[in-house]
Protein backbone atom coordinates (compact mmCIF):
# COMPACT_ATOMS: atom_id res chain seq x y z
CA MET A 1 145.76 102.80 357.40
CA ARG A 2 142.62 101.01 356.68
CA VAL A 3 140.63 104.32 357.18
CA GLY A 4 143.36 106.75 355.89
CA HIS A 5 143.67 105.57 352.35
CA SER A 6 145.17 109.10 351.32
CA LEU A 7 147.42 110.79 348.61
CA ARG A 8 150.47 110.61 350.53
CA ASN A 9 150.57 106.78 350.33
CA LEU A 10 149.92 106.23 346.96
CA GLY A 11 153.17 104.77 347.07
CA VAL A 12 152.47 101.96 349.01
CA ALA A 13 152.90 98.69 347.21
CA PHE A 14 150.31 96.96 345.47
CA GLY A 15 149.35 93.45 343.57
CA VAL A 16 149.61 94.42 339.48
CA PHE A 17 147.11 92.29 337.66
CA CYS A 18 147.96 91.46 334.17
CA LEU A 19 145.00 89.27 333.52
CA VAL A 20 142.26 90.14 331.61
CA VAL A 21 139.17 91.01 333.93
CA GLY A 22 135.62 90.16 332.05
CA LEU A 23 134.88 94.36 332.08
CA HIS A 24 131.14 95.07 331.45
CA GLY A 25 130.56 97.97 329.60
CA PRO A 26 130.00 101.24 331.81
CA ALA A 27 126.61 101.40 332.92
CA GLU A 28 124.17 103.63 331.36
CA ALA A 29 125.62 107.20 332.27
CA GLU A 30 122.62 109.53 334.39
CA LYS A 31 121.46 112.75 331.77
CA HIS A 32 123.95 115.85 333.13
CA ALA A 33 125.42 118.70 331.26
CA ALA A 34 127.53 116.83 329.06
CA LEU A 35 131.04 116.77 328.07
CA SER A 36 131.96 116.01 324.36
CA ALA A 37 131.49 112.18 323.51
CA GLU A 38 135.54 112.49 322.56
CA VAL A 39 136.32 113.03 326.59
CA THR A 40 134.05 110.68 327.77
CA ALA A 41 135.42 108.37 325.71
CA SER A 42 139.06 108.90 326.92
CA ILE A 43 137.90 108.74 330.52
CA ASP A 44 136.15 105.32 329.86
CA GLN A 45 139.15 104.00 328.17
CA ALA A 46 141.09 105.19 331.57
CA ALA A 47 138.93 103.63 334.01
CA ARG A 48 138.64 99.88 331.86
CA ALA A 49 142.63 100.16 331.61
CA VAL A 50 143.22 100.67 335.10
CA LEU A 51 140.67 97.81 336.20
CA THR A 52 142.47 95.78 333.91
CA GLN A 53 145.51 96.29 335.45
CA THR A 54 145.19 96.08 338.72
CA GLY A 55 141.97 93.32 338.91
CA VAL A 56 139.97 95.81 340.88
CA PRO A 57 136.27 94.78 340.15
CA SER A 58 134.51 97.67 339.66
CA ALA A 59 134.91 101.51 339.90
CA SER A 60 132.15 104.07 339.83
CA ILE A 61 133.07 107.90 339.11
CA ALA A 62 131.56 111.15 338.89
CA VAL A 63 132.97 114.01 337.32
CA VAL A 64 132.19 118.03 338.30
CA THR A 65 133.31 120.52 335.44
CA ASP A 66 132.60 124.65 335.57
CA GLY A 67 131.25 123.95 338.90
CA LYS A 68 128.38 121.43 337.79
CA ILE A 69 128.13 117.36 337.53
CA THR A 70 129.14 116.56 334.11
CA TYR A 71 129.52 112.64 333.88
CA VAL A 72 128.55 109.68 336.07
CA GLN A 73 129.30 106.16 334.94
CA ALA A 74 130.26 103.07 336.54
CA TYR A 75 132.27 100.19 335.19
CA GLY A 76 132.85 96.19 335.81
CA ASP A 77 131.10 93.77 338.40
CA ALA A 78 129.65 94.94 341.84
CA LYS A 79 129.75 91.47 342.65
CA LEU A 80 131.55 88.67 340.96
CA SER A 81 129.41 85.56 341.71
CA PRO A 82 127.36 85.69 340.27
CA PRO A 83 128.45 89.00 337.96
CA ILE A 84 126.46 91.51 338.64
CA PRO A 85 127.21 94.88 336.73
CA ALA A 86 128.41 98.19 338.40
CA ARG A 87 125.81 101.10 338.19
CA PRO A 88 126.53 104.72 339.10
CA GLU A 89 123.17 104.58 341.37
CA MET A 90 125.13 102.27 343.99
CA ARG A 91 126.64 102.95 346.91
CA TYR A 92 130.31 102.24 348.04
CA SER A 93 131.96 102.87 351.30
CA LEU A 94 134.00 106.21 351.20
CA GLY A 95 136.36 105.71 354.21
CA SER A 96 138.64 108.36 355.18
CA ILE A 97 136.95 110.74 353.06
CA SER A 98 134.13 110.78 355.73
CA LYS A 99 136.94 112.58 357.69
CA GLN A 100 136.04 116.10 355.59
CA PHE A 101 132.42 115.99 356.72
CA THR A 102 133.31 115.52 360.01
CA ALA A 103 135.85 118.42 360.34
CA ALA A 104 132.75 120.35 358.57
CA ALA A 105 130.55 119.66 361.10
CA VAL A 106 133.01 121.09 363.66
CA LEU A 107 133.57 124.44 361.58
CA MET A 108 129.86 124.73 361.45
CA LEU A 109 129.54 124.74 365.28
CA ALA A 110 132.54 127.60 365.01
CA GLU A 111 130.38 129.10 363.36
CA GLU A 112 127.48 129.08 365.73
CA GLY A 113 129.74 130.27 368.63
CA LYS A 114 129.73 126.76 370.13
CA LEU A 115 133.01 126.09 369.93
CA SER A 116 136.20 127.59 368.64
CA LEU A 117 138.98 125.45 367.11
CA GLU A 118 141.51 126.88 370.04
CA ASP A 119 139.44 125.49 372.46
CA PRO A 120 141.23 122.53 374.41
CA VAL A 121 139.44 119.14 373.66
CA LEU A 122 139.21 118.94 377.44
CA ARG A 123 136.08 121.42 377.25
CA PHE A 124 134.10 118.18 375.74
CA VAL A 125 135.72 115.24 375.83
CA PRO A 126 137.15 114.71 379.31
CA ASN A 127 140.49 112.88 380.87
CA LEU A 128 142.09 112.64 377.32
CA THR A 129 145.74 112.63 377.90
CA ARG A 130 146.72 116.32 378.06
CA GLY A 131 143.52 117.32 377.37
CA GLY A 132 143.51 120.84 378.47
CA GLU A 133 146.65 121.28 375.95
CA VAL A 134 145.91 120.01 372.74
CA LYS A 135 143.14 122.07 370.69
CA ILE A 136 140.60 121.12 368.28
CA ARG A 137 142.76 122.46 365.21
CA GLU A 138 145.23 119.85 366.06
CA VAL A 139 143.02 117.34 366.23
CA LEU A 140 141.48 117.90 362.95
CA SER A 141 144.75 118.11 361.08
CA HIS A 142 146.06 115.18 362.79
CA THR A 143 149.09 117.27 364.62
CA SER A 144 148.06 116.06 368.19
CA GLY A 145 150.37 113.62 369.08
CA TYR A 146 146.66 110.81 369.80
CA GLN A 147 148.12 107.61 368.38
CA ASP A 148 145.89 106.04 365.43
CA TYR A 149 144.03 103.02 366.81
CA TRP A 150 144.01 101.54 362.94
CA PRO A 151 147.69 101.83 361.46
CA GLN A 152 147.14 98.07 360.07
CA ASP A 153 145.96 97.39 356.19
CA TYR A 154 143.71 94.83 356.90
CA VAL A 155 141.21 94.23 359.51
CA PRO A 156 142.63 92.51 362.80
CA PRO A 157 140.93 89.85 364.93
CA PHE A 158 140.20 92.39 367.65
CA MET A 159 138.49 94.68 365.21
CA LEU A 160 135.81 92.02 364.19
CA GLN A 161 133.76 92.82 367.52
CA PRO A 162 131.62 95.75 368.50
CA ILE A 163 133.24 99.08 370.19
CA ASP A 164 132.27 102.11 371.38
CA ALA A 165 133.84 105.73 370.84
CA GLY A 166 134.43 105.61 374.67
CA LYS A 167 136.58 102.45 374.56
CA ILE A 168 138.70 103.34 371.63
CA LEU A 169 139.66 106.24 373.49
CA ASP A 170 140.21 104.76 376.68
CA THR A 171 143.05 102.37 375.29
CA TRP A 172 144.76 104.93 372.31
CA ALA A 173 143.83 108.24 373.66
CA ARG A 174 144.56 108.11 376.97
CA LYS A 175 148.30 107.06 376.95
CA PRO A 176 151.11 108.83 376.41
CA LEU A 177 151.00 111.47 373.06
CA ASP A 178 153.21 110.07 370.22
CA PHE A 179 154.72 113.67 370.00
CA GLU A 180 154.04 117.09 371.54
CA PRO A 181 151.40 119.07 369.93
CA GLY A 182 151.82 120.53 366.63
CA THR A 183 155.50 119.40 366.36
CA LYS A 184 154.36 116.58 364.11
CA TRP A 185 152.21 115.43 361.44
CA GLN A 186 151.04 111.96 361.92
CA TYR A 187 147.64 110.27 360.45
CA SER A 188 145.51 109.13 363.17
CA ASN A 189 142.00 107.76 363.12
CA THR A 190 141.61 108.65 366.66
CA ASN A 191 141.83 112.52 365.95
CA PHE A 192 138.27 111.99 364.61
CA VAL A 193 136.73 110.12 367.45
CA ILE A 194 137.05 112.88 369.54
CA ALA A 195 136.42 115.08 366.71
CA GLY A 196 133.05 113.40 366.38
CA LEU A 197 132.01 113.11 370.11
CA ILE A 198 132.92 116.96 369.91
CA VAL A 199 130.49 117.76 367.82
CA GLU A 200 127.75 115.24 369.90
CA LYS A 201 128.53 117.05 372.59
CA ALA A 202 128.17 120.70 371.07
CA SER A 203 125.55 119.57 369.20
CA GLY A 204 123.50 118.09 371.39
CA MET A 205 122.94 115.11 368.50
CA PRO A 206 123.96 112.43 367.24
CA LEU A 207 127.07 112.81 364.34
CA LEU A 208 124.98 111.71 361.72
CA ASP A 209 122.04 113.43 362.23
CA PHE A 210 123.33 116.70 362.42
CA LEU A 211 125.30 115.78 359.27
CA SER A 212 121.92 114.85 358.08
CA LYS A 213 120.43 117.79 359.03
CA LYS A 214 123.34 120.80 357.74
CA ILE A 215 124.59 118.88 354.56
CA PHE A 216 122.84 115.75 353.37
CA GLU A 217 119.35 116.87 353.12
CA PRO A 218 120.18 120.68 352.00
CA LEU A 219 121.90 119.13 349.02
CA GLY A 220 119.58 116.43 348.26
CA MET A 221 122.13 113.80 349.39
CA LYS A 222 119.21 110.93 349.65
CA SER A 223 121.37 107.36 349.16
CA VAL A 224 123.39 107.97 352.39
CA ILE A 225 124.17 105.09 355.18
CA ASN A 226 126.20 104.72 357.91
CA ILE A 227 127.92 101.84 357.28
CA ASP A 228 129.34 101.96 361.10
CA GLN A 229 125.68 100.57 362.30
CA ASN A 230 124.38 98.91 358.70
CA ARG A 231 125.80 96.82 356.17
CA LEU A 232 125.43 98.07 352.51
CA MET A 233 122.57 96.59 351.19
CA GLU A 234 122.26 93.43 348.53
CA THR A 235 121.92 95.97 345.97
CA ASP A 236 124.85 97.61 346.66
CA PRO A 237 128.38 95.97 345.78
CA VAL A 238 130.59 93.84 347.70
CA GLY A 239 133.75 94.51 349.38
CA TYR A 240 136.84 92.46 348.31
CA MET A 241 140.10 91.68 349.04
CA ARG A 242 143.30 89.72 347.75
CA TYR A 243 146.36 87.64 349.42
CA ALA A 244 149.22 88.92 346.99
CA LEU A 245 148.05 87.91 343.57
CA GLY A 246 145.46 85.70 344.65
CA PRO A 247 141.53 85.95 342.94
CA PRO A 248 139.29 87.78 345.03
CA ARG A 249 137.85 87.25 348.35
CA VAL A 250 135.11 88.59 349.98
CA ALA A 251 136.46 91.22 352.42
CA PRO A 252 135.29 90.93 356.09
CA LYS A 253 133.13 93.82 358.03
CA GLU A 254 134.35 95.68 360.60
CA GLY A 255 132.82 95.15 364.08
CA LYS A 256 130.01 98.00 364.63
CA GLY A 257 131.59 100.94 366.32
CA TRP A 258 135.14 101.32 364.56
CA LEU A 259 134.26 103.54 361.90
CA PHE A 260 132.66 106.53 363.79
CA ALA A 261 133.29 109.47 362.43
CA ALA A 262 136.57 108.78 360.49
CA GLY A 263 134.99 106.17 357.98
CA GLU A 264 131.34 105.35 358.26
CA LEU A 265 130.21 106.82 355.46
CA ALA A 266 128.56 105.36 352.30
CA MET A 267 126.92 106.93 349.04
CA PRO A 268 127.08 106.91 345.45
CA ALA A 269 129.70 108.60 343.46
CA GLU A 270 127.43 111.16 342.31
CA GLU A 271 126.60 112.12 345.93
CA VAL A 272 129.72 112.54 346.65
CA ALA A 273 130.07 115.07 343.77
CA LYS A 274 127.17 117.08 345.17
CA TRP A 275 129.06 117.90 348.17
CA ASP A 276 132.17 118.64 345.76
CA VAL A 277 130.07 121.12 343.91
CA CYS A 278 128.91 122.72 347.01
CA MET A 279 132.41 123.08 348.50
CA ILE A 280 133.37 124.74 344.70
CA GLN A 281 130.83 127.12 345.75
CA GLN A 282 131.03 127.71 349.22
CA CYS A 283 127.26 127.17 349.70
CA ALA A 284 127.16 125.02 353.31
CA MET A 285 130.01 127.25 354.80
CA LYS A 286 131.09 130.58 355.44
CA PRO A 287 133.96 131.54 353.17
CA GLU A 288 136.03 132.04 356.31
CA SER A 289 135.33 128.39 357.24
CA TYR A 290 136.02 126.98 353.78
CA GLN A 291 139.58 128.99 353.70
CA GLN A 292 140.49 127.14 357.30
CA MET A 293 139.60 123.99 356.51
CA GLU A 294 141.44 124.12 352.87
CA THR A 295 144.45 125.77 354.23
CA GLU A 296 148.15 123.95 354.92
CA VAL A 297 148.64 123.74 358.72
CA VAL A 298 151.98 124.41 359.82
CA LEU A 299 153.61 123.01 362.31
CA LYS A 300 155.52 124.61 365.39
CA ASN A 301 158.97 124.60 363.46
CA GLY A 302 157.50 126.11 360.48
CA LEU A 303 157.47 122.77 358.09
CA GLY A 304 154.18 122.57 356.52
CA THR A 305 152.29 119.53 356.50
CA GLN A 306 149.95 119.19 352.86
CA TYR A 307 147.07 118.98 355.15
CA GLY A 308 144.21 120.76 356.16
CA LEU A 309 141.62 120.11 358.51
CA GLY A 310 139.94 117.22 357.29
CA VAL A 311 141.70 117.27 353.76
CA ASP A 312 144.69 117.03 352.15
CA VAL A 313 146.05 120.84 350.43
CA THR A 314 148.27 119.72 347.58
CA SER A 315 148.94 120.56 343.77
CA GLU A 316 147.50 118.08 341.37
CA SER A 317 149.39 118.87 337.27
CA GLY A 318 150.12 122.36 338.36
CA HIS A 319 146.41 122.97 339.93
CA ARG A 320 145.50 123.64 343.81
CA ALA A 321 144.02 120.46 344.98
CA ILE A 322 141.85 119.71 348.05
CA SER A 323 141.53 116.10 348.46
CA HIS A 324 141.53 112.85 350.38
CA GLY A 325 141.71 109.27 349.81
CA GLY A 326 139.77 106.76 351.79
CA GLU A 327 139.70 102.97 352.47
CA VAL A 328 138.02 100.57 354.84
CA SER A 329 137.52 96.84 354.40
CA GLY A 330 136.84 96.26 350.78
CA PHE A 331 136.64 99.36 349.76
CA THR A 332 139.18 102.35 348.34
CA ALA A 333 138.05 105.74 347.13
CA GLU A 334 139.35 109.12 345.77
CA ASN A 335 137.80 112.49 345.86
CA MET A 336 139.91 115.25 344.45
CA VAL A 337 138.44 118.55 344.09
CA PHE A 338 140.17 121.73 342.71
CA PRO A 339 138.58 124.87 343.34
CA ASP A 340 139.91 127.55 341.28
CA ASP A 341 139.07 125.11 338.45
CA ARG A 342 135.96 124.31 339.31
CA ALA A 343 136.04 121.05 338.84
CA ALA A 344 136.36 117.86 341.12
CA VAL A 345 136.36 113.65 340.50
CA VAL A 346 135.09 111.21 342.64
CA VAL A 347 136.15 107.56 342.02
CA LEU A 348 135.03 104.53 344.20
CA THR A 349 136.21 101.09 344.05
CA ASN A 350 135.14 97.88 345.39
CA GLN A 351 138.91 96.20 346.58
CA ASP A 352 141.06 97.20 349.19
CA SER A 353 144.70 97.67 349.15
CA THR A 354 145.03 99.23 345.89
CA ALA A 355 146.04 102.32 344.56
CA ALA A 356 143.26 101.88 341.34
CA SER A 357 140.76 105.11 342.63
CA ALA A 358 143.92 107.65 342.63
CA MET A 359 145.35 105.62 339.62
CA ILE A 360 141.77 106.16 337.85
CA ALA A 361 141.32 110.03 339.30
CA ARG A 362 144.41 111.09 337.94
CA LYS A 363 144.20 109.62 334.47
CA VAL A 364 140.80 111.43 334.39
CA ILE A 365 142.14 114.90 335.57
CA GLY A 366 144.67 114.71 332.89
CA VAL A 367 141.79 113.80 330.42
CA MET A 368 139.81 116.86 331.36
CA PHE A 369 142.12 119.43 332.15
CA GLN A 370 143.82 118.35 328.57
CA ALA A 371 140.90 118.87 327.30
CA ARG A 372 140.40 122.05 328.83
CA ASP A 373 143.41 123.08 327.38
CA ASP A 374 142.52 122.50 324.20
CA GLU A 375 139.61 124.11 324.34
CA SER A 376 141.80 127.30 325.67
CA VAL A 377 144.28 126.91 322.72
CA SER A 378 141.45 126.56 320.10
CA ALA A 379 139.35 130.17 321.84
CA ARG A 380 142.25 131.36 321.37
CA ALA A 381 143.11 131.00 318.05
CA GLU A 382 139.47 131.90 317.51
CA ALA A 383 139.58 135.15 319.57
CA ARG A 384 143.29 136.05 317.62
CA LYS A 385 142.00 135.57 314.11
CA ILE A 386 138.65 138.10 314.99
CA PHE A 387 141.39 140.36 316.41
CA GLU A 388 143.38 140.60 313.02
CA ALA A 389 140.39 140.72 310.81
CA LEU A 390 139.36 143.80 313.19
CA GLN A 391 142.44 145.28 312.70
CA GLN A 392 141.55 145.27 308.34
CA GLY A 393 137.65 146.61 309.58
CA LYS A 394 136.62 143.12 308.80
CA ILE A 395 134.01 140.34 310.56
CA ASP A 396 132.74 136.84 309.79
CA ARG A 397 129.35 137.42 310.85
CA SER A 398 128.56 133.86 311.34
CA LEU A 399 130.45 133.94 314.30
CA PHE A 400 128.45 136.15 316.43
CA THR A 401 125.02 136.20 317.62
CA SER A 402 122.48 139.41 316.63
CA ASN A 403 123.22 141.48 319.76
CA CYS A 404 127.26 141.32 319.06
CA ASN A 405 126.56 141.60 315.17
CA SER A 406 124.22 144.59 315.68
CA TYR A 407 127.31 146.01 318.20
CA PHE A 408 129.91 145.58 314.93
CA SER A 409 128.24 148.19 313.14
CA GLU A 410 130.14 150.45 310.18
CA GLN A 411 131.24 152.91 312.47
CA ALA A 412 132.48 150.45 314.75
CA LEU A 413 134.53 148.32 312.25
CA ASN A 414 136.00 151.39 310.82
CA ASP A 415 136.91 152.70 314.63
CA PHE A 416 138.52 149.40 315.16
CA SER A 417 140.34 149.50 311.65
CA LEU A 418 141.88 152.93 312.09
CA SER A 419 143.03 152.23 315.83
CA LEU A 420 144.50 148.86 315.43
CA GLY A 421 145.44 148.31 312.39
CA GLN A 422 148.42 150.93 312.87
CA LEU A 423 149.98 148.60 316.27
CA GLY A 424 150.55 145.54 313.19
CA ALA A 425 150.78 142.16 314.91
CA PRO A 426 150.69 141.28 318.17
CA GLU A 427 154.00 140.25 319.64
CA GLU A 428 151.90 138.11 322.45
CA PHE A 429 147.96 137.44 322.58
CA SER A 430 147.41 135.17 325.59
CA GLU A 431 144.49 134.38 327.99
CA ILE A 432 144.89 135.91 331.71
CA GLN A 433 140.96 134.62 332.58
CA HIS A 434 138.23 131.56 332.41
CA ARG A 435 135.13 131.70 334.05
CA GLU A 436 131.90 130.87 333.72
CA ARG A 437 128.55 133.30 334.15
CA GLY A 438 125.08 133.77 333.22
CA GLY A 439 125.45 130.75 331.03
CA MET A 440 128.01 131.65 329.02
CA SER A 441 131.80 131.44 328.81
CA PHE A 442 134.08 134.68 329.92
CA ARG A 443 137.57 135.05 328.61
CA GLU A 444 139.77 137.78 328.44
CA TYR A 445 143.10 137.66 326.34
CA ARG A 446 146.42 140.05 326.91
CA VAL A 447 147.42 141.55 323.49
CA LYS A 448 150.62 142.82 323.40
CA PHE A 449 152.41 145.34 321.22
CA PRO A 450 155.97 146.96 321.69
CA ASP A 451 154.43 150.05 323.14
CA LYS A 452 150.91 149.24 324.14
CA THR A 453 149.01 146.29 325.98
CA LEU A 454 145.35 145.93 325.23
CA ASN A 455 143.03 144.07 326.55
CA VAL A 456 140.14 141.43 324.82
CA THR A 457 137.14 140.31 326.42
CA VAL A 458 134.95 137.44 324.86
CA ARG A 459 131.72 136.36 325.95
CA ALA A 460 130.41 133.28 323.99
CA MET A 461 126.95 131.24 323.96
CA PRO A 462 126.84 127.79 325.10
CA ASP A 463 126.44 127.07 321.35
CA GLY A 464 129.67 128.84 321.01
CA LYS A 465 128.28 132.40 319.07
CA ILE A 466 130.39 135.20 320.40
CA GLU A 467 128.05 137.13 322.22
CA GLN A 468 130.01 139.68 322.83
CA TYR A 469 134.26 140.56 321.38
CA GLN A 470 135.60 144.06 322.97
CA VAL A 471 138.81 145.52 322.99
CA PHE A 472 140.06 148.10 325.15
CA ALA A 473 143.46 149.34 326.65
CA SER A 474 145.38 148.04 329.56
CA GLU A 475 146.13 149.73 333.27
């Protein structure tokens, strides 16, 4: 599955290298809203450890927290001979992460009324096997039955030669289906070749032109390149492969045409993160379209597929994840978005047939969520301490902004003390909501007593000073 290295395939065996590779220190990060030095150090350590363990030459990462790009970094060597350190601005091939862009293009055309996901593929692409029965939705969700043209994890000799989309479909989409449409989930790059042709027919322009106009240019993704038609530049990483536990070798390049609509994009990790921020903010499409993309497709027998439209729909560490892996010759990648947490991790590497990108992504996710959990525990402890002080009519004014200090007048403190003091110690003080708004951190807590439940709302400024602390009866 050369262009389809998704999370469900992380169990594939790979060579584990216990040798010490010559890792450079991380390239200088671009300036973004900052993570703490402790968190970035943990991320750096995790990335370096995976590169050392697997022998993968380099990795480039981008991290999104609170809906903003907060860390961009690169590690190791983009080229091994002579050694050239990886840098965050370098472009890596995304492989099948490209599929979600093709799926988004189809959804955008559906919004414009130029197609429906329930249309048969025959409406746009003629002479496909049972093209009058297979729906566009089934193509985007890998439930169509069309056979995968590239299930191998290497480049067969015939794929070194150029091809066009029509020839791919002649060979793989005009033979009998592998299964009845909608009855199985089976990953197939052929599906997205069909989807790419649908975009071109419905929009009247080449797929990459449509994506540039609708996504890349509006989001400021200025470094995107189509590696189906052009090689990466000399200033970008070299893609590597290994035979068993042998040394890294320069990987062959697929012939032109093989990656169309299924794995042709290359860009820096930061530009993938811009797309992830847009997914979190739902800025490129209507909410209904994002819902369709991110909803698990169910087979006719009622079984879930853990796949939406061009994305995996899973759970990671108890958090809803919209993700996809990618692999083309010489490169693997992982993109994981957590819409409910307003977070994302992008990891791009320059070696194929390895799980290093997913390994790094999961380690980074662990660091991010642990840091957030630690922050939540600390914030909750402070909120409870303030509550207990208010029960006694006391307040540490150094914790609050001038606005909030004016709110806590002598009358207010007296009312807090008289109404809350008689309740005694809370049985529970738990966080029920955390979000960002107006440059402030919004947290809400539930405070339970034997006969009463209260809510506490806390609004904190970026410097940690509390702008609002209010208590009210819960419904």
